[in-house]
């Protein structure tokens, strides 16, 4: 959305007539402050959306890794034994 010089002049003339010359600087400062706050707000929302997208990608990748690393059920007993032995060794 870009405004040409003619459109900007028209907006300024309308603002000058509606608001008046004395209050125009106050209104302009308030509008500039509001626009700055909106930019900050939208930047925060965009950052949050980017983080959510990244987390979704990571979850998807982890799910694929988990599927690739499924352990053979016959080995699960041996893995439990190894974990038990490891815990006993760590205690000593």
N, C-alpha and C. Protein backbone atom coordinates (compact mmCIF):
# COMPACT_ATOMS: atom_id res chain seq x y z
N UNK A 1 0.85 -1.17 0.00
CA UNK A 1 0.00 0.00 0.00
C UNK A 1 0.90 1.23 0.00
N UNK A 2 0.98 1.88 -1.13
CA UNK A 2 1.79 3.09 -1.20
C UNK A 2 0.90 4.25 -1.62
N UNK A 3 1.18 5.38 -1.03
CA UNK A 3 0.41 6.58 -1.32
C UNK A 3 1.25 7.53 -2.17
N UNK A 4 0.60 8.13 -3.15
CA UNK A 4 1.28 9.12 -3.95
C UNK A 4 1.25 10.46 -3.25
N UNK A 5 1.99 11.42 -3.78
CA UNK A 5 2.07 12.74 -3.15
C UNK A 5 0.71 13.44 -3.16
N UNK A 6 -0.06 13.25 -4.22
CA UNK A 6 -1.39 13.86 -4.29
C UNK A 6 -2.32 13.32 -3.22
N UNK A 7 -2.25 12.02 -2.97
CA UNK A 7 -3.11 11.41 -1.95
C UNK A 7 -2.72 11.87 -0.55
N UNK A 8 -1.42 12.02 -0.33
CA UNK A 8 -0.95 12.50 0.97
C UNK A 8 -1.42 13.94 1.21
N UNK A 9 -1.29 14.77 0.19
CA UNK A 9 -1.74 16.16 0.32
C UNK A 9 -3.24 16.21 0.59
N UNK A 10 -4.03 15.40 -0.08
CA UNK A 10 -5.47 15.36 0.14
C UNK A 10 -5.79 14.95 1.57
N UNK A 11 -5.10 13.95 2.08
CA UNK A 11 -5.32 13.50 3.46
C UNK A 11 -4.96 14.61 4.44
N UNK A 12 -3.86 15.31 4.20
CA UNK A 12 -3.46 16.41 5.08
C UNK A 12 -4.48 17.55 5.07
N UNK A 13 -5.01 17.87 3.90
CA UNK A 13 -6.02 18.94 3.81
C UNK A 13 -7.28 18.55 4.58
N UNK A 14 -7.73 17.30 4.39
CA UNK A 14 -8.93 16.84 5.10
C UNK A 14 -8.67 16.85 6.60
N UNK A 15 -7.51 16.37 7.04
CA UNK A 15 -7.17 16.35 8.46
C UNK A 15 -7.10 17.77 9.00
N UNK A 16 -6.56 18.69 8.23
CA UNK A 16 -6.46 20.09 8.65
C UNK A 16 -7.84 20.69 8.86
N UNK A 17 -8.77 20.38 7.95
CA UNK A 17 -10.13 20.93 8.05
C UNK A 17 -10.89 20.27 9.21
N UNK A 18 -10.79 18.95 9.33
CA UNK A 18 -11.56 18.23 10.35
C UNK A 18 -11.02 18.50 11.76
N UNK A 19 -9.72 18.41 11.94
CA UNK A 19 -9.13 18.51 13.27
C UNK A 19 -8.83 19.97 13.64
N UNK A 20 -8.39 20.72 12.72
CA UNK A 20 -8.01 22.10 13.00
C UNK A 20 -6.51 22.22 13.13
N UNK A 21 -6.00 23.41 12.86
CA UNK A 21 -4.54 23.60 12.84
C UNK A 21 -3.89 23.46 14.22
N UNK A 22 -4.62 23.74 15.28
CA UNK A 22 -4.02 23.71 16.62
C UNK A 22 -3.87 22.28 17.15
N UNK A 23 -4.84 21.43 16.85
CA UNK A 23 -4.80 20.05 17.36
C UNK A 23 -4.15 19.07 16.39
N UNK A 24 -3.85 19.51 15.19
CA UNK A 24 -3.28 18.60 14.19
C UNK A 24 -1.96 17.97 14.65
N UNK A 25 -1.02 18.71 15.25
CA UNK A 25 0.22 18.06 15.70
C UNK A 25 -0.03 16.99 16.77
N UNK A 26 -0.96 17.23 17.68
CA UNK A 26 -1.29 16.25 18.72
C UNK A 26 -1.86 14.98 18.09
N UNK A 27 -2.76 15.17 17.15
CA UNK A 27 -3.37 14.03 16.48
C UNK A 27 -2.32 13.25 15.68
N UNK A 28 -1.43 13.98 15.01
CA UNK A 28 -0.38 13.33 14.22
C UNK A 28 0.55 12.50 15.13
N UNK A 29 0.93 13.07 16.29
CA UNK A 29 1.78 12.32 17.23
C UNK A 29 1.06 11.08 17.75
N UNK A 30 -0.21 11.24 18.09
CA UNK A 30 -0.99 10.09 18.57
C UNK A 30 -1.11 9.01 17.51
N UNK A 31 -1.33 9.43 16.27
CA UNK A 31 -1.43 8.46 15.17
C UNK A 31 -0.09 7.76 14.94
N UNK A 32 0.99 8.53 14.99
CA UNK A 32 2.32 7.92 14.81
C UNK A 32 2.61 6.92 15.94
N UNK A 33 2.25 7.27 17.17
CA UNK A 33 2.46 6.38 18.31
C UNK A 33 1.64 5.10 18.14
N UNK A 34 0.39 5.24 17.70
CA UNK A 34 -0.47 4.07 17.50
C UNK A 34 0.08 3.17 16.40
N UNK A 35 0.57 3.76 15.31
CA UNK A 35 1.14 2.97 14.23
C UNK A 35 2.40 2.23 14.68
N UNK A 36 3.22 2.88 15.51
CA UNK A 36 4.42 2.22 16.03
C UNK A 36 4.03 1.03 16.91
N UNK A 37 3.03 1.22 17.77
CA UNK A 37 2.59 0.12 18.62
C UNK A 37 2.03 -1.03 17.80
N UNK A 38 1.31 -0.71 16.73
CA UNK A 38 0.78 -1.76 15.86
C UNK A 38 1.90 -2.54 15.19
N UNK A 39 2.95 -1.83 14.74
CA UNK A 39 4.09 -2.51 14.12
C UNK A 39 4.75 -3.47 15.11
N UNK A 40 4.93 -2.99 16.35
CA UNK A 40 5.54 -3.84 17.38
C UNK A 40 4.67 -5.05 17.65
N UNK A 41 3.35 -4.83 17.75
CA UNK A 41 2.41 -5.92 18.00
C UNK A 41 2.45 -6.94 16.87
N UNK A 42 2.40 -6.48 15.64
CA UNK A 42 2.43 -7.40 14.50
C UNK A 42 3.76 -8.13 14.40
N UNK A 43 4.86 -7.47 14.76
CA UNK A 43 6.16 -8.14 14.74
C UNK A 43 6.17 -9.26 15.78
N UNK A 44 5.58 -9.00 16.95
CA UNK A 44 5.50 -10.04 17.98
C UNK A 44 4.65 -11.21 17.55
N UNK A 45 3.52 -10.92 16.91
CA UNK A 45 2.65 -11.98 16.42
C UNK A 45 3.36 -12.80 15.36
N UNK A 46 4.06 -12.12 14.46
CA UNK A 46 4.79 -12.83 13.41
C UNK A 46 5.86 -13.73 14.02
N UNK A 47 6.57 -13.21 15.02
CA UNK A 47 7.60 -14.01 15.68
C UNK A 47 6.98 -15.24 16.36
N UNK A 48 5.84 -15.05 17.01
CA UNK A 48 5.16 -16.18 17.66
C UNK A 48 4.73 -17.23 16.62
N UNK A 49 4.21 -16.77 15.49
CA UNK A 49 3.80 -17.70 14.44
C UNK A 49 4.99 -18.46 13.87
N UNK A 50 6.12 -17.76 13.71
CA UNK A 50 7.33 -18.42 13.22
C UNK A 50 7.80 -19.49 14.20
N UNK A 51 7.74 -19.17 15.50
CA UNK A 51 8.14 -20.15 16.52
C UNK A 51 7.21 -21.35 16.50
N UNK A 52 5.91 -21.10 16.38
CA UNK A 52 4.94 -22.21 16.32
C UNK A 52 5.20 -23.09 15.11
N UNK A 53 5.51 -22.48 13.97
CA UNK A 53 5.79 -23.25 12.76
C UNK A 53 7.05 -24.09 12.95
N UNK A 54 8.08 -23.49 13.56
CA UNK A 54 9.32 -24.22 13.81
C UNK A 54 9.08 -25.39 14.76
N UNK A 55 8.29 -25.16 15.81
CA UNK A 55 7.99 -26.24 16.76
C UNK A 55 7.21 -27.37 16.09
N UNK A 56 6.31 -27.00 15.21
CA UNK A 56 5.54 -28.03 14.49
C UNK A 56 6.47 -28.86 13.61
N UNK A 57 7.42 -28.19 12.95
CA UNK A 57 8.39 -28.91 12.12
C UNK A 57 9.25 -29.84 12.97
N UNK A 58 9.67 -29.36 14.14
CA UNK A 58 10.50 -30.19 15.03
C UNK A 58 9.71 -31.40 15.51
N UNK A 59 8.45 -31.19 15.90
CA UNK A 59 7.62 -32.31 16.34
C UNK A 59 7.49 -33.35 15.23
N UNK A 60 7.28 -32.87 14.02
CA UNK A 60 7.15 -33.77 12.87
C UNK A 60 8.43 -34.56 12.68
N UNK A 61 9.58 -33.86 12.74
CA UNK A 61 10.87 -34.54 12.57
C UNK A 61 11.10 -35.58 13.67
N UNK A 62 10.78 -35.20 14.92
CA UNK A 62 10.95 -36.15 16.03
C UNK A 62 10.06 -37.37 15.86
N UNK A 63 8.84 -37.15 15.37
CA UNK A 63 7.93 -38.28 15.15
C UNK A 63 8.51 -39.22 14.09
N UNK A 64 9.08 -38.65 13.02
CA UNK A 64 9.68 -39.48 11.98
C UNK A 64 10.88 -40.25 12.53
N UNK A 65 11.70 -39.58 13.35
CA UNK A 65 12.87 -40.25 13.94
C UNK A 65 12.41 -41.40 14.83
N UNK A 66 11.37 -41.15 15.63
CA UNK A 66 10.86 -42.19 16.53
C UNK A 66 10.38 -43.39 15.73
N UNK A 67 9.68 -43.13 14.62
CA UNK A 67 9.20 -44.24 13.80
C UNK A 67 10.37 -45.02 13.20
N UNK A 68 11.43 -44.31 12.83
CA UNK A 68 12.60 -44.97 12.26
C UNK A 68 13.36 -45.79 13.30
N UNK A 69 13.25 -45.42 14.56
CA UNK A 69 14.02 -46.07 15.61
C UNK A 69 13.20 -47.06 16.43
N UNK A 70 12.05 -47.46 15.92
CA UNK A 70 11.25 -48.42 16.67
C UNK A 70 12.08 -49.66 16.99
N UNK A 71 12.03 -50.08 18.24
CA UNK A 71 12.83 -51.21 18.71
C UNK A 71 12.04 -52.49 18.50
N UNK A 72 12.76 -53.50 18.11
CA UNK A 72 12.17 -54.83 17.95
C UNK A 72 11.66 -55.29 19.31
N UNK A 73 10.39 -55.74 19.41
CA UNK A 73 9.84 -56.15 20.71
C UNK A 73 10.66 -57.23 21.40
N UNK A 74 11.34 -58.07 20.62
CA UNK A 74 12.16 -59.12 21.21
C UNK A 74 13.36 -58.54 21.97
N UNK A 75 13.79 -57.34 21.62
CA UNK A 75 14.95 -56.73 22.26
C UNK A 75 14.57 -55.87 23.46
N UNK A 76 13.29 -55.59 23.65
CA UNK A 76 12.91 -54.69 24.73
C UNK A 76 13.27 -55.26 26.09
N UNK A 77 13.15 -56.56 26.29
CA UNK A 77 13.54 -57.18 27.56
C UNK A 77 15.02 -57.02 27.83
N UNK A 78 15.84 -57.22 26.79
CA UNK A 78 17.28 -57.07 26.94
C UNK A 78 17.64 -55.63 27.27
N UNK A 79 16.93 -54.69 26.64
CA UNK A 79 17.20 -53.28 26.91
C UNK A 79 16.85 -52.92 28.35
N UNK A 80 15.79 -53.51 28.89
CA UNK A 80 15.43 -53.27 30.29
C UNK A 80 16.50 -53.84 31.21
N UNK A 81 17.02 -55.01 30.85
CA UNK A 81 18.08 -55.61 31.66
C UNK A 81 19.33 -54.73 31.65
N UNK A 82 19.68 -54.22 30.50
CA UNK A 82 20.86 -53.36 30.39
C UNK A 82 20.67 -52.10 31.22
N UNK A 83 19.48 -51.53 31.17
CA UNK A 83 19.19 -50.32 31.96
C UNK A 83 19.27 -50.62 33.45
N UNK A 84 18.77 -51.78 33.87
CA UNK A 84 18.82 -52.18 35.29
C UNK A 84 20.26 -52.35 35.73
N UNK A 85 21.07 -53.03 34.93
CA UNK A 85 22.48 -53.25 35.26
C UNK A 85 23.21 -51.90 35.34
N UNK A 86 22.92 -51.03 34.41
CA UNK A 86 23.55 -49.71 34.40
C UNK A 86 23.23 -48.94 35.68
N UNK A 87 21.96 -48.98 36.10
CA UNK A 87 21.56 -48.29 37.34
C UNK A 87 22.30 -48.88 38.54
N UNK A 88 22.46 -50.19 38.58
CA UNK A 88 23.17 -50.84 39.70
C UNK A 88 24.64 -50.42 39.72
N UNK A 89 25.24 -50.33 38.54
CA UNK A 89 26.65 -49.92 38.46
C UNK A 89 26.81 -48.48 38.92
N UNK A 90 25.88 -47.63 38.53
CA UNK A 90 25.95 -46.21 38.88
C UNK A 90 25.79 -45.99 40.38
N UNK A 91 25.07 -46.88 41.05
CA UNK A 91 24.88 -46.77 42.49
C UNK A 91 26.18 -47.01 43.23
N UNK A 92 27.03 -47.87 42.70
CA UNK A 92 28.27 -48.27 43.40
C UNK A 92 29.34 -47.28 43.23
